[in-house]
Each structure stands twice: as C-alpha cells, then as structure tokens.
Amino acid sequence: MSQVESEVAQLTAHGRQVLSRLLRTAGSGPDTGEYVERLLELVASRAESWQLVADLPPEEQKIWESAGARFADNGIVAQVELDSVQAIAELVDRSIRGVAALAEYLGVDRSRISQRMAEGSLYSFTVDGDQRLFPQWEFKDRKPLQGLRTVFGALDSRLHPLTVDNWFTTPDADLAAGDEQFSPAEWLATGGSPDKLVDLVPEV
C-alpha cells in the first residue's frame, strides 16, 4: 500500500470517497502524475472552505491539515465543500482534456479548435489554470452541437463550470415535446432552436 493509499484509508468515509474519486479521475489520463498533483492542489485550495461537521480524532486532523484544512479548537473543520470538489472531479472525468485531444476526437486540425474557441462555438474550462477541458455534452457523433455559438454568446463568462454543466444537462420544463422534457444539450442534439435557449440561460 502506497503512502497516499495509507493516508486515504485513515480518512472518514465521506472524505475517503471524495479523495479516491479524485485519484481515480486523475489516474485516467496520459499525464497521470501531473494531474494527480493538480487535483490534490485543488483539494488543498478548497480545504479552508470545506464542511466536515463532525469531531475528528487528532490523527485524522493531521491528515486534513496536510491538505490545507484549518480546525477550530474543538476539532471541527469549518464549511468543507467536499461535494463541490467531487462534482468538479466528475466533470473533469466527463470532459475531453486539452486542445490536441479534442482535435483528435473531432478529426480536425488543432487550428480549427483554436478558431472555434475564438469565435465562441466551443465551451471550455480549466482546473486552477491547467489545460483546457471540453465537456462531452457539447458534442454528438464526434461533432459540436449545432447552435452552440448562439447559446454560448448569451452565457455570462463568470458562470462557474459546474453551473454551466448543470444547466446544459438538466431537463427543463420549458424544453418539452409532449410529455418528454429535454436538457439544453438534448434540445440542440435533436435539432431544437438555439434561440429558445437564449432566454433560459442561468444568471450569475
């Protein structure tokens, strides 16, 4: 058992689940070592705002403190957003990593990806300034969905990637055909008008 695995095994059940998910996600890419480091840095950067509302024994406190968590005198961590960290890891897992990987996935030159990014017809995000990540919901049959430029033009650039991801993948009562409701991504994938989505985009 490695040192990381040993430390993870000592964490509370919820914390162990989140960190294990982060490590599995990081380990699925070609740049495993670098991505593990970046994701653990993300954990550390969010640790001060996490929410572990339970008393932890001293040995567990030391493990969390090594990741950047700060404890009150009563041994309780203040407001840990573990669910948010896990959601980011899952979004990373559902995204294509890097311009080169996306160009290969779509079967186009990297210059075409750069062009699409410049014109606003592709959505991407980064994890703490790392390489660009492209959510898979914006593609169908290895092609970008029609109408993305119109929709992305209405999205505020300040929206968090999780907000954008949740909106694009959640069925909306305003996007219905008969008894079936569609998410914005499904709406575009089935030929729906992007203009209808412009009025539904989330606000900051």
N, C-alpha and C. Protein backbone atom coordinates (compact mmCIF):
# COMPACT_ATOMS: atom_id res chain seq x y z
N MET A 1 0.86 -1.20 0.00
CA MET A 1 0.00 0.00 0.00
C MET A 1 0.89 1.24 0.00
N SER A 2 0.58 2.20 -0.92
CA SER A 2 1.38 3.40 -1.01
C SER A 2 1.07 4.34 0.15
N GLN A 3 1.90 5.37 0.32
CA GLN A 3 1.67 6.33 1.39
C GLN A 3 0.34 7.05 1.21
N VAL A 4 0.02 7.42 -0.07
CA VAL A 4 -1.25 8.10 -0.34
C VAL A 4 -2.42 7.20 0.02
N GLU A 5 -2.34 5.92 -0.41
CA GLU A 5 -3.42 4.98 -0.11
C GLU A 5 -3.56 4.77 1.39
N SER A 6 -2.44 4.75 2.08
CA SER A 6 -2.47 4.57 3.54
C SER A 6 -3.16 5.74 4.21
N GLU A 7 -2.85 6.95 3.75
CA GLU A 7 -3.46 8.14 4.35
C GLU A 7 -4.94 8.22 4.02
N VAL A 8 -5.30 7.90 2.76
CA VAL A 8 -6.70 7.92 2.38
C VAL A 8 -7.50 6.94 3.22
N ALA A 9 -6.92 5.78 3.53
CA ALA A 9 -7.61 4.76 4.30
C ALA A 9 -7.93 5.22 5.71
N GLN A 10 -7.22 6.25 6.19
CA GLN A 10 -7.44 6.73 7.55
C GLN A 10 -8.51 7.82 7.62
N LEU A 11 -8.97 8.29 6.47
CA LEU A 11 -9.93 9.38 6.45
C LEU A 11 -11.33 8.89 6.79
N THR A 12 -12.22 9.83 7.09
CA THR A 12 -13.62 9.48 7.30
C THR A 12 -14.18 8.93 6.00
N ALA A 13 -15.32 8.25 6.07
CA ALA A 13 -15.90 7.59 4.90
C ALA A 13 -16.15 8.58 3.76
N HIS A 14 -16.73 9.74 4.07
CA HIS A 14 -17.05 10.72 3.03
C HIS A 14 -15.78 11.29 2.43
N GLY A 15 -14.83 11.64 3.27
CA GLY A 15 -13.57 12.18 2.77
C GLY A 15 -12.82 11.17 1.93
N ARG A 16 -12.83 9.91 2.36
CA ARG A 16 -12.15 8.86 1.61
C ARG A 16 -12.79 8.67 0.24
N GLN A 17 -14.11 8.75 0.18
CA GLN A 17 -14.82 8.59 -1.10
C GLN A 17 -14.43 9.70 -2.07
N VAL A 18 -14.37 10.93 -1.58
CA VAL A 18 -14.05 12.06 -2.45
C VAL A 18 -12.61 11.98 -2.95
N LEU A 19 -11.66 11.75 -2.05
CA LEU A 19 -10.27 11.72 -2.47
C LEU A 19 -9.99 10.52 -3.38
N SER A 20 -10.65 9.40 -3.13
CA SER A 20 -10.47 8.25 -4.00
C SER A 20 -10.98 8.56 -5.40
N ARG A 21 -12.10 9.28 -5.46
CA ARG A 21 -12.65 9.68 -6.76
C ARG A 21 -11.67 10.61 -7.49
N LEU A 22 -11.09 11.53 -6.78
CA LEU A 22 -10.12 12.46 -7.37
C LEU A 22 -8.93 11.70 -7.94
N LEU A 23 -8.43 10.74 -7.18
CA LEU A 23 -7.26 9.99 -7.62
C LEU A 23 -7.59 9.09 -8.82
N ARG A 24 -8.79 8.51 -8.83
CA ARG A 24 -9.17 7.68 -9.99
C ARG A 24 -9.29 8.54 -11.23
N THR A 25 -9.90 9.71 -11.10
CA THR A 25 -10.06 10.61 -12.23
C THR A 25 -8.70 11.05 -12.75
N ALA A 26 -7.84 11.45 -11.84
CA ALA A 26 -6.50 11.91 -12.25
C ALA A 26 -5.73 10.80 -12.92
N GLY A 27 -5.90 9.59 -12.47
CA GLY A 27 -5.12 8.49 -12.99
C GLY A 27 -5.59 7.96 -14.32
N SER A 28 -6.68 8.53 -14.88
CA SER A 28 -7.20 8.01 -16.14
C SER A 28 -6.63 8.70 -17.35
N GLY A 29 -5.75 9.69 -17.16
CA GLY A 29 -5.20 10.43 -18.29
C GLY A 29 -3.76 10.07 -18.56
N PRO A 30 -3.23 10.55 -19.72
CA PRO A 30 -1.85 10.23 -20.08
C PRO A 30 -0.82 10.91 -19.20
N ASP A 31 -1.20 12.04 -18.61
CA ASP A 31 -0.27 12.79 -17.77
C ASP A 31 -0.63 12.57 -16.31
N THR A 32 -0.68 11.31 -15.89
CA THR A 32 -1.20 10.92 -14.59
C THR A 32 -0.53 11.65 -13.43
N GLY A 33 0.80 11.63 -13.39
CA GLY A 33 1.49 12.23 -12.26
C GLY A 33 1.17 13.70 -12.11
N GLU A 34 1.20 14.43 -13.22
CA GLU A 34 0.93 15.87 -13.17
C GLU A 34 -0.51 16.14 -12.75
N TYR A 35 -1.44 15.31 -13.24
CA TYR A 35 -2.84 15.57 -12.93
C TYR A 35 -3.19 15.21 -11.50
N VAL A 36 -2.56 14.18 -10.96
CA VAL A 36 -2.75 13.88 -9.55
C VAL A 36 -2.33 15.08 -8.71
N GLU A 37 -1.18 15.64 -9.05
CA GLU A 37 -0.67 16.78 -8.31
C GLU A 37 -1.62 17.97 -8.41
N ARG A 38 -2.15 18.24 -9.62
CA ARG A 38 -3.04 19.38 -9.81
C ARG A 38 -4.33 19.20 -9.03
N LEU A 39 -4.89 17.99 -9.04
CA LEU A 39 -6.14 17.77 -8.34
C LEU A 39 -5.96 17.84 -6.83
N LEU A 40 -4.81 17.35 -6.35
CA LEU A 40 -4.56 17.46 -4.91
C LEU A 40 -4.34 18.91 -4.51
N GLU A 41 -3.75 19.69 -5.42
CA GLU A 41 -3.62 21.13 -5.16
C GLU A 41 -5.00 21.77 -5.08
N LEU A 42 -5.91 21.30 -5.93
CA LEU A 42 -7.28 21.81 -5.90
C LEU A 42 -7.93 21.49 -4.56
N VAL A 43 -7.75 20.26 -4.08
CA VAL A 43 -8.28 19.89 -2.77
C VAL A 43 -7.75 20.83 -1.70
N ALA A 44 -6.44 21.07 -1.74
CA ALA A 44 -5.83 21.94 -0.73
C ALA A 44 -6.36 23.36 -0.83
N SER A 45 -6.56 23.85 -2.06
CA SER A 45 -7.01 25.23 -2.23
C SER A 45 -8.42 25.44 -1.74
N ARG A 46 -9.23 24.34 -1.75
CA ARG A 46 -10.62 24.46 -1.29
C ARG A 46 -10.79 24.07 0.17
N ALA A 47 -9.75 23.57 0.77
CA ALA A 47 -9.90 22.94 2.09
C ALA A 47 -10.40 23.89 3.16
N GLU A 48 -10.00 25.17 3.10
CA GLU A 48 -10.38 26.09 4.16
C GLU A 48 -11.87 26.38 4.15
N SER A 49 -12.56 26.11 3.03
CA SER A 49 -14.00 26.37 2.98
C SER A 49 -14.82 25.08 3.02
N TRP A 50 -14.18 23.97 3.36
CA TRP A 50 -14.89 22.70 3.41
C TRP A 50 -15.81 22.59 4.62
N GLN A 51 -16.64 21.57 4.60
CA GLN A 51 -17.60 21.37 5.69
C GLN A 51 -17.58 19.92 6.18
N LEU A 52 -16.77 19.71 7.19
CA LEU A 52 -16.80 18.42 7.89
C LEU A 52 -17.33 18.70 9.29
N VAL A 53 -18.64 18.56 9.46
CA VAL A 53 -19.24 18.94 10.74
C VAL A 53 -19.28 17.74 11.67
N ALA A 54 -18.13 17.24 11.99
CA ALA A 54 -18.03 16.13 12.93
C ALA A 54 -16.67 16.20 13.60
N ASP A 55 -16.64 15.81 14.87
CA ASP A 55 -15.37 15.78 15.58
C ASP A 55 -14.47 14.72 14.95
N LEU A 56 -13.22 15.07 14.75
CA LEU A 56 -12.27 14.15 14.16
C LEU A 56 -11.16 13.87 15.17
N PRO A 57 -10.69 12.63 15.21
CA PRO A 57 -9.57 12.32 16.09
C PRO A 57 -8.31 13.05 15.61
N PRO A 58 -7.35 13.27 16.51
CA PRO A 58 -6.13 14.03 16.16
C PRO A 58 -5.40 13.51 14.94
N GLU A 59 -5.33 12.18 14.77
CA GLU A 59 -4.59 11.64 13.63
C GLU A 59 -5.25 12.01 12.29
N GLU A 60 -6.62 12.07 12.28
CA GLU A 60 -7.30 12.47 11.05
C GLU A 60 -7.14 13.97 10.81
N GLN A 61 -7.14 14.74 11.90
CA GLN A 61 -6.94 16.17 11.75
C GLN A 61 -5.60 16.46 11.07
N LYS A 62 -4.57 15.71 11.44
CA LYS A 62 -3.24 15.92 10.86
C LYS A 62 -3.26 15.67 9.35
N ILE A 63 -4.00 14.66 8.94
CA ILE A 63 -4.08 14.33 7.51
C ILE A 63 -4.75 15.48 6.76
N TRP A 64 -5.89 15.95 7.30
CA TRP A 64 -6.59 17.06 6.63
C TRP A 64 -5.76 18.34 6.67
N GLU A 65 -5.07 18.58 7.76
CA GLU A 65 -4.22 19.77 7.85
C GLU A 65 -3.11 19.74 6.80
N SER A 66 -2.60 18.54 6.49
CA SER A 66 -1.56 18.45 5.47
C SER A 66 -2.09 18.82 4.09
N ALA A 67 -3.42 18.76 3.92
CA ALA A 67 -4.06 19.16 2.66
C ALA A 67 -4.54 20.60 2.70
N GLY A 68 -4.31 21.29 3.83
CA GLY A 68 -4.66 22.70 3.90
C GLY A 68 -5.85 23.04 4.77
N ALA A 69 -6.50 22.04 5.38
CA ALA A 69 -7.66 22.32 6.22
C ALA A 69 -7.23 23.00 7.52
N ARG A 70 -8.12 23.83 8.06
CA ARG A 70 -7.85 24.51 9.32
C ARG A 70 -8.96 24.18 10.31
N PHE A 71 -8.54 23.76 11.51
CA PHE A 71 -9.50 23.30 12.51
C PHE A 71 -9.69 24.33 13.61
N ALA A 72 -10.91 24.36 14.13
CA ALA A 72 -11.18 25.15 15.31
C ALA A 72 -10.67 24.39 16.53
N ASP A 73 -10.70 25.04 17.69
CA ASP A 73 -10.17 24.42 18.90
C ASP A 73 -10.94 23.15 19.28
N ASN A 74 -12.20 23.06 18.83
CA ASN A 74 -13.00 21.89 19.18
C ASN A 74 -12.83 20.74 18.19
N GLY A 75 -11.88 20.89 17.24
CA GLY A 75 -11.61 19.79 16.32
C GLY A 75 -12.59 19.65 15.19
N ILE A 76 -13.34 20.72 14.89
CA ILE A 76 -14.31 20.68 13.80
C ILE A 76 -13.82 21.54 12.64
N VAL A 77 -13.84 20.99 11.44
CA VAL A 77 -13.46 21.75 10.26
C VAL A 77 -14.62 22.64 9.85
N ALA A 78 -14.31 23.88 9.48
CA ALA A 78 -15.36 24.83 9.11
C ALA A 78 -15.69 24.70 7.62
N GLN A 79 -16.96 24.46 7.33
CA GLN A 79 -17.54 24.56 5.99
C GLN A 79 -16.70 23.95 4.88
N VAL A 80 -16.61 22.65 4.85
CA VAL A 80 -15.86 21.97 3.79
C VAL A 80 -16.77 21.65 2.62
N GLU A 81 -16.44 22.11 1.44
CA GLU A 81 -17.27 21.87 0.26
C GLU A 81 -16.79 20.61 -0.48
N LEU A 82 -16.84 19.49 0.23
CA LEU A 82 -16.39 18.24 -0.37
C LEU A 82 -17.25 17.85 -1.58
N ASP A 83 -18.56 18.11 -1.49
CA ASP A 83 -19.43 17.75 -2.60
C ASP A 83 -19.06 18.52 -3.86
N SER A 84 -18.68 19.80 -3.67
CA SER A 84 -18.27 20.61 -4.82
C SER A 84 -16.99 20.08 -5.44
N VAL A 85 -16.04 19.71 -4.60
CA VAL A 85 -14.78 19.17 -5.10
C VAL A 85 -15.04 17.87 -5.88
N GLN A 86 -15.92 17.03 -5.35
CA GLN A 86 -16.23 15.78 -6.03
C GLN A 86 -16.93 16.05 -7.35
N ALA A 87 -17.83 17.04 -7.38
CA ALA A 87 -18.54 17.37 -8.61
C ALA A 87 -17.57 17.86 -9.68
N ILE A 88 -16.57 18.64 -9.28
CA ILE A 88 -15.57 19.10 -10.24
C ILE A 88 -14.79 17.92 -10.79
N ALA A 89 -14.42 16.99 -9.93
CA ALA A 89 -13.69 15.80 -10.38
C ALA A 89 -14.52 15.00 -11.38
N GLU A 90 -15.82 14.89 -11.13
CA GLU A 90 -16.69 14.15 -12.03
C GLU A 90 -16.84 14.87 -13.36
N LEU A 91 -16.90 16.22 -13.33
CA LEU A 91 -16.98 16.99 -14.57
C LEU A 91 -15.70 16.82 -15.38
N VAL A 92 -14.56 16.83 -14.70
CA VAL A 92 -13.29 16.58 -15.39
C VAL A 92 -13.32 15.21 -16.06
N ASP A 93 -13.88 14.24 -15.35
CA ASP A 93 -13.94 12.87 -15.86
C ASP A 93 -14.83 12.77 -17.09
N ARG A 94 -15.80 13.70 -17.23
CA ARG A 94 -16.73 13.69 -18.36
C ARG A 94 -16.31 14.68 -19.44
N SER A 95 -15.06 15.10 -19.41
CA SER A 95 -14.58 16.10 -20.36
C SER A 95 -13.39 15.58 -21.15
N ILE A 96 -13.17 16.18 -22.30
CA ILE A 96 -12.00 15.87 -23.12
C ILE A 96 -10.90 16.83 -22.73
N ARG A 97 -9.71 16.29 -22.43
CA ARG A 97 -8.63 17.08 -21.86
C ARG A 97 -7.67 17.59 -22.93
N GLY A 98 -7.67 18.89 -23.12
CA GLY A 98 -6.67 19.51 -23.98
C GLY A 98 -7.10 19.68 -25.42
N VAL A 99 -6.54 20.71 -26.07
CA VAL A 99 -6.86 21.01 -27.46
C VAL A 99 -6.44 19.87 -28.39
N ALA A 100 -5.26 19.30 -28.15
CA ALA A 100 -4.77 18.22 -29.00
C ALA A 100 -5.71 17.01 -28.95
N ALA A 101 -6.15 16.65 -27.75
CA ALA A 101 -7.05 15.50 -27.60
C ALA A 101 -8.40 15.77 -28.27
N LEU A 102 -8.89 17.01 -28.17
CA LEU A 102 -10.17 17.34 -28.80
C LEU A 102 -10.03 17.31 -30.32
N ALA A 103 -8.92 17.84 -30.84
CA ALA A 103 -8.71 17.82 -32.29
C ALA A 103 -8.71 16.38 -32.82
N GLU A 104 -8.07 15.49 -32.09
CA GLU A 104 -8.05 14.07 -32.49
C GLU A 104 -9.45 13.48 -32.41
N TYR A 105 -10.20 13.82 -31.34
CA TYR A 105 -11.55 13.29 -31.16
C TYR A 105 -12.47 13.73 -32.29
N LEU A 106 -12.35 14.99 -32.73
CA LEU A 106 -13.22 15.52 -33.78
C LEU A 106 -12.68 15.25 -35.18
N GLY A 107 -11.42 14.83 -35.26
CA GLY A 107 -10.83 14.58 -36.55
C GLY A 107 -10.52 15.84 -37.33
N VAL A 108 -10.08 16.90 -36.63
CA VAL A 108 -9.75 18.16 -37.27
C VAL A 108 -8.38 18.62 -36.82
N ASP A 109 -7.86 19.68 -37.46
CA ASP A 109 -6.59 20.25 -37.04
C ASP A 109 -6.77 21.05 -35.76
N ARG A 110 -5.67 21.19 -35.01
CA ARG A 110 -5.72 21.99 -33.78
C ARG A 110 -6.11 23.43 -34.08
N SER A 111 -5.73 23.92 -35.27
CA SER A 111 -6.07 25.30 -35.64
C SER A 111 -7.58 25.50 -35.71
N ARG A 112 -8.31 24.44 -36.09
CA ARG A 112 -9.77 24.54 -36.15
C ARG A 112 -10.36 24.66 -34.75
N ILE A 113 -9.77 23.97 -33.80
CA ILE A 113 -10.23 24.09 -32.42
C ILE A 113 -9.99 25.51 -31.91
N SER A 114 -8.82 26.04 -32.19
CA SER A 114 -8.50 27.41 -31.77
C SER A 114 -9.46 28.40 -32.41
N GLN A 115 -9.82 28.15 -33.67
CA GLN A 115 -10.75 29.03 -34.37
C GLN A 115 -12.13 28.99 -33.71
N ARG A 116 -12.57 27.79 -33.40
CA ARG A 116 -13.89 27.65 -32.76
C ARG A 116 -13.90 28.30 -31.37
N MET A 117 -12.81 28.17 -30.64
CA MET A 117 -12.74 28.79 -29.32
C MET A 117 -12.79 30.31 -29.46
N ALA A 118 -12.10 30.84 -30.46
CA ALA A 118 -12.07 32.29 -30.67
C ALA A 118 -13.44 32.83 -31.06
N GLU A 119 -14.19 32.06 -31.84
CA GLU A 119 -15.49 32.53 -32.28
C GLU A 119 -16.59 32.22 -31.27
N GLY A 120 -16.25 31.48 -30.22
CA GLY A 120 -17.22 31.21 -29.16
C GLY A 120 -18.17 30.07 -29.45
N SER A 121 -17.78 29.13 -30.30
CA SER A 121 -18.65 27.99 -30.61
C SER A 121 -18.22 26.72 -29.89
N LEU A 122 -17.28 26.83 -28.95
CA LEU A 122 -16.92 25.73 -28.07
C LEU A 122 -16.86 26.26 -26.65
N TYR A 123 -17.27 25.42 -25.69
CA TYR A 123 -17.16 25.79 -24.28
C TYR A 123 -16.00 25.01 -23.66
N SER A 124 -15.19 25.69 -22.87
CA SER A 124 -14.10 25.02 -22.17
C SER A 124 -13.90 25.66 -20.81
N PHE A 125 -13.23 24.94 -19.93
CA PHE A 125 -12.91 25.47 -18.62
C PHE A 125 -11.56 24.90 -18.21
N THR A 126 -11.00 25.44 -17.15
CA THR A 126 -9.74 24.93 -16.62
C THR A 126 -9.90 24.62 -15.14
N VAL A 127 -9.03 23.78 -14.62
CA VAL A 127 -8.98 23.49 -13.19
C VAL A 127 -7.73 24.17 -12.65
N ASP A 128 -7.91 25.28 -11.97
CA ASP A 128 -6.80 26.05 -11.42
C ASP A 128 -5.73 26.37 -12.47
N GLY A 129 -6.18 26.83 -13.65
CA GLY A 129 -5.26 27.28 -14.67
C GLY A 129 -4.57 26.19 -15.46
N ASP A 130 -5.02 24.93 -15.29
CA ASP A 130 -4.41 23.82 -16.02
C ASP A 130 -4.94 23.81 -17.45
N GLN A 131 -4.70 22.73 -18.20
CA GLN A 131 -5.09 22.64 -19.60
C GLN A 131 -6.60 22.76 -19.77
N ARG A 132 -7.01 23.14 -20.99
CA ARG A 132 -8.42 23.31 -21.31
C ARG A 132 -9.16 21.98 -21.27
N LEU A 133 -10.37 22.01 -20.75
CA LEU A 133 -11.23 20.83 -20.67
C LEU A 133 -12.53 21.14 -21.39
N PHE A 134 -13.01 20.20 -22.21
CA PHE A 134 -14.20 20.39 -23.03
C PHE A 134 -15.25 19.35 -22.65
N PRO A 135 -16.37 19.77 -22.01
CA PRO A 135 -17.40 18.81 -21.59
C PRO A 135 -17.95 18.03 -22.79
N GLN A 136 -18.19 16.75 -22.60
CA GLN A 136 -18.63 15.91 -23.71
C GLN A 136 -20.07 16.18 -24.13
N TRP A 137 -20.86 16.88 -23.28
CA TRP A 137 -22.24 17.13 -23.68
C TRP A 137 -22.36 18.10 -24.86
N GLU A 138 -21.29 18.81 -25.20
CA GLU A 138 -21.38 19.75 -26.32
C GLU A 138 -21.07 19.09 -27.67
N PHE A 139 -20.96 17.75 -27.66
CA PHE A 139 -20.67 17.02 -28.89
C PHE A 139 -21.69 15.89 -29.10
N LYS A 140 -21.94 15.60 -30.37
CA LYS A 140 -22.77 14.45 -30.75
C LYS A 140 -22.17 13.85 -32.01
N ASP A 141 -21.98 12.55 -31.98
CA ASP A 141 -21.38 11.85 -33.12
C ASP A 141 -20.05 12.50 -33.52
N ARG A 142 -19.26 12.87 -32.50
CA ARG A 142 -17.93 13.47 -32.70
C ARG A 142 -17.97 14.77 -33.49
N LYS A 143 -19.06 15.52 -33.30
CA LYS A 143 -19.18 16.84 -33.90
C LYS A 143 -19.80 17.79 -32.87
N PRO A 144 -19.41 19.09 -32.86
CA PRO A 144 -20.05 20.03 -31.95
C PRO A 144 -21.53 20.18 -32.29
N LEU A 145 -22.35 20.36 -31.27
CA LEU A 145 -23.77 20.56 -31.49
C LEU A 145 -24.02 21.84 -32.30
N GLN A 146 -25.06 21.80 -33.13
CA GLN A 146 -25.44 22.98 -33.88
C GLN A 146 -26.03 24.03 -32.93
N GLY A 147 -25.68 25.30 -33.16
CA GLY A 147 -26.27 26.38 -32.38
C GLY A 147 -25.51 26.75 -31.13
N LEU A 148 -24.37 26.11 -30.88
CA LEU A 148 -23.62 26.40 -29.65
C LEU A 148 -23.15 27.85 -29.60
N ARG A 149 -22.74 28.39 -30.73
CA ARG A 149 -22.24 29.77 -30.74
C ARG A 149 -23.30 30.74 -30.25
N THR A 150 -24.55 30.52 -30.66
CA THR A 150 -25.65 31.39 -30.22
C THR A 150 -25.85 31.29 -28.72
N VAL A 151 -25.85 30.05 -28.21
CA VAL A 151 -26.10 29.84 -26.78
C VAL A 151 -24.93 30.35 -25.94
N PHE A 152 -23.71 30.02 -26.33
CA PHE A 152 -22.55 30.45 -25.56
C PHE A 152 -22.40 31.97 -25.57
N GLY A 153 -22.88 32.60 -26.65
CA GLY A 153 -22.83 34.06 -26.71
C GLY A 153 -23.71 34.71 -25.66
N ALA A 154 -24.73 33.98 -25.19
CA ALA A 154 -25.64 34.51 -24.17
C ALA A 154 -25.20 34.14 -22.76
N LEU A 155 -24.24 33.22 -22.63
CA LEU A 155 -23.78 32.79 -21.31
C LEU A 155 -22.79 33.80 -20.74
N ASP A 156 -22.96 34.17 -19.49
CA ASP A 156 -22.01 35.05 -18.82
C ASP A 156 -20.72 34.29 -18.56
N SER A 157 -19.60 34.85 -18.94
CA SER A 157 -18.30 34.18 -18.78
C SER A 157 -17.93 33.96 -17.32
N ARG A 158 -18.63 34.64 -16.40
CA ARG A 158 -18.33 34.50 -14.98
C ARG A 158 -19.01 33.28 -14.36
N LEU A 159 -19.88 32.60 -15.10
CA LEU A 159 -20.58 31.44 -14.56
C LEU A 159 -19.59 30.32 -14.25
N HIS A 160 -19.78 29.69 -13.11
CA HIS A 160 -18.91 28.58 -12.73
C HIS A 160 -19.16 27.40 -13.66
N PRO A 161 -18.11 26.64 -14.02
CA PRO A 161 -18.28 25.47 -14.90
C PRO A 161 -19.34 24.49 -14.41
N LEU A 162 -19.47 24.32 -13.09
CA LEU A 162 -20.49 23.41 -12.57
C LEU A 162 -21.89 23.93 -12.84
N THR A 163 -22.06 25.27 -12.80
CA THR A 163 -23.36 25.86 -13.12
C THR A 163 -23.71 25.64 -14.58
N VAL A 164 -22.73 25.86 -15.44
CA VAL A 164 -22.94 25.65 -16.88
C VAL A 164 -23.26 24.19 -17.16
N ASP A 165 -22.48 23.30 -16.56
CA ASP A 165 -22.67 21.87 -16.76
C ASP A 165 -24.05 21.43 -16.28
N ASN A 166 -24.45 21.88 -15.12
CA ASN A 166 -25.75 21.50 -14.56
C ASN A 166 -26.89 21.99 -15.44
N TRP A 167 -26.77 23.23 -15.94
CA TRP A 167 -27.83 23.78 -16.79
C TRP A 167 -27.95 23.01 -18.10
N PHE A 168 -26.82 22.72 -18.73
CA PHE A 168 -26.85 22.05 -20.02
C PHE A 168 -27.34 20.61 -19.93
N THR A 169 -27.21 19.98 -18.79
CA THR A 169 -27.52 18.55 -18.68
C THR A 169 -28.79 18.25 -17.89
N THR A 170 -29.50 19.28 -17.41
CA THR A 170 -30.70 19.08 -16.61
C THR A 170 -31.96 19.33 -17.44
N PRO A 171 -32.91 18.38 -17.48
CA PRO A 171 -34.16 18.59 -18.23
C PRO A 171 -34.88 19.85 -17.74
N ASP A 172 -35.48 20.57 -18.69
CA ASP A 172 -36.15 21.83 -18.39
C ASP A 172 -37.59 21.75 -18.87
N ALA A 173 -38.53 22.17 -18.00
CA ALA A 173 -39.95 22.13 -18.35
C ALA A 173 -40.26 23.00 -19.56
N ASP A 174 -39.44 24.01 -19.81
CA ASP A 174 -39.66 24.89 -20.97
C ASP A 174 -39.17 24.26 -22.27
N LEU A 175 -38.50 23.12 -22.16
CA LEU A 175 -37.99 22.41 -23.34
C LEU A 175 -38.66 21.05 -23.40
N ALA A 176 -39.91 21.06 -23.81
CA ALA A 176 -40.71 19.83 -23.77
C ALA A 176 -41.34 19.55 -25.13
N ALA A 177 -41.49 18.28 -25.40
CA ALA A 177 -42.23 17.81 -26.57
C ALA A 177 -43.15 16.71 -26.08
N GLY A 178 -44.43 16.99 -26.03
CA GLY A 178 -45.36 16.05 -25.43
C GLY A 178 -45.10 15.94 -23.94
N ASP A 179 -44.91 14.73 -23.46
CA ASP A 179 -44.65 14.51 -22.04
C ASP A 179 -43.16 14.46 -21.73
N GLU A 180 -42.32 14.61 -22.73
CA GLU A 180 -40.88 14.48 -22.52
C GLU A 180 -40.21 15.85 -22.40
N GLN A 181 -39.40 15.98 -21.36
CA GLN A 181 -38.62 17.20 -21.16
C GLN A 181 -37.17 16.95 -21.57
N PHE A 182 -36.55 17.97 -22.17
CA PHE A 182 -35.19 17.85 -22.65
C PHE A 182 -34.26 18.80 -21.90
N SER A 183 -33.02 18.39 -21.76
CA SER A 183 -31.99 19.30 -21.27
C SER A 183 -31.59 20.18 -22.45
N PRO A 184 -30.95 21.34 -22.20
CA PRO A 184 -30.48 22.17 -23.31
C PRO A 184 -29.59 21.43 -24.29
N ALA A 185 -28.71 20.55 -23.78
CA ALA A 185 -27.85 19.79 -24.68
C ALA A 185 -28.68 18.84 -25.54
N GLU A 186 -29.65 18.17 -24.94
CA GLU A 186 -30.52 17.26 -25.69
C GLU A 186 -31.37 18.04 -26.70
N TRP A 187 -31.79 19.24 -26.29
CA TRP A 187 -32.60 20.09 -27.18
C TRP A 187 -31.84 20.40 -28.47
N LEU A 188 -30.59 20.80 -28.33
CA LEU A 188 -29.78 21.10 -29.51
C LEU A 188 -29.48 19.83 -30.31
N ALA A 189 -29.25 18.73 -29.61
CA ALA A 189 -28.89 17.47 -30.28
C ALA A 189 -30.04 16.94 -31.13
N THR A 190 -31.27 17.30 -30.77
CA THR A 190 -32.44 16.84 -31.52
C THR A 190 -32.93 17.88 -32.51
N GLY A 191 -32.13 18.92 -32.74
CA GLY A 191 -32.48 19.91 -33.75
C GLY A 191 -33.28 21.09 -33.24
N GLY A 192 -33.38 21.25 -31.92
CA GLY A 192 -34.12 22.37 -31.36
C GLY A 192 -33.43 23.69 -31.64
N SER A 193 -34.21 24.78 -31.66
CA SER A 193 -33.67 26.09 -31.95
C SER A 193 -32.82 26.62 -30.80
N PRO A 194 -31.59 27.07 -31.08
CA PRO A 194 -30.76 27.64 -30.01
C PRO A 194 -31.33 28.95 -29.48
N ASP A 195 -32.14 29.63 -30.30
CA ASP A 195 -32.71 30.91 -29.86
C ASP A 195 -33.61 30.72 -28.64
N LYS A 196 -34.26 29.57 -28.54
CA LYS A 196 -35.13 29.30 -27.38
C LYS A 196 -34.32 29.20 -26.10
N LEU A 197 -33.07 28.74 -26.23
CA LEU A 197 -32.23 28.57 -25.05
C LEU A 197 -31.68 29.90 -24.53
N VAL A 198 -31.58 30.88 -25.42
CA VAL A 198 -31.00 32.17 -25.03
C VAL A 198 -31.76 32.79 -23.87
N ASP A 199 -33.08 32.63 -23.87
CA ASP A 199 -33.90 33.21 -22.79
C ASP A 199 -33.86 32.37 -21.52
N LEU A 200 -33.24 31.20 -21.58
CA LEU A 200 -33.25 30.31 -20.43
C LEU A 200 -31.89 30.19 -19.74
N VAL A 201 -30.86 30.83 -20.29
CA VAL A 201 -29.52 30.67 -19.71
C VAL A 201 -29.49 31.15 -18.28
N PRO A 202 -28.71 30.51 -17.42
CA PRO A 202 -28.63 30.92 -16.00
C PRO A 202 -27.92 32.27 -15.85
N GLU A 203 -28.26 32.95 -14.78
CA GLU A 203 -27.64 34.23 -14.49
C GLU A 203 -26.57 34.07 -13.41
N VAL A 204 -25.65 35.01 -13.36
CA VAL A 204 -24.59 34.95 -12.35
C VAL A 204 -25.18 35.21 -10.98
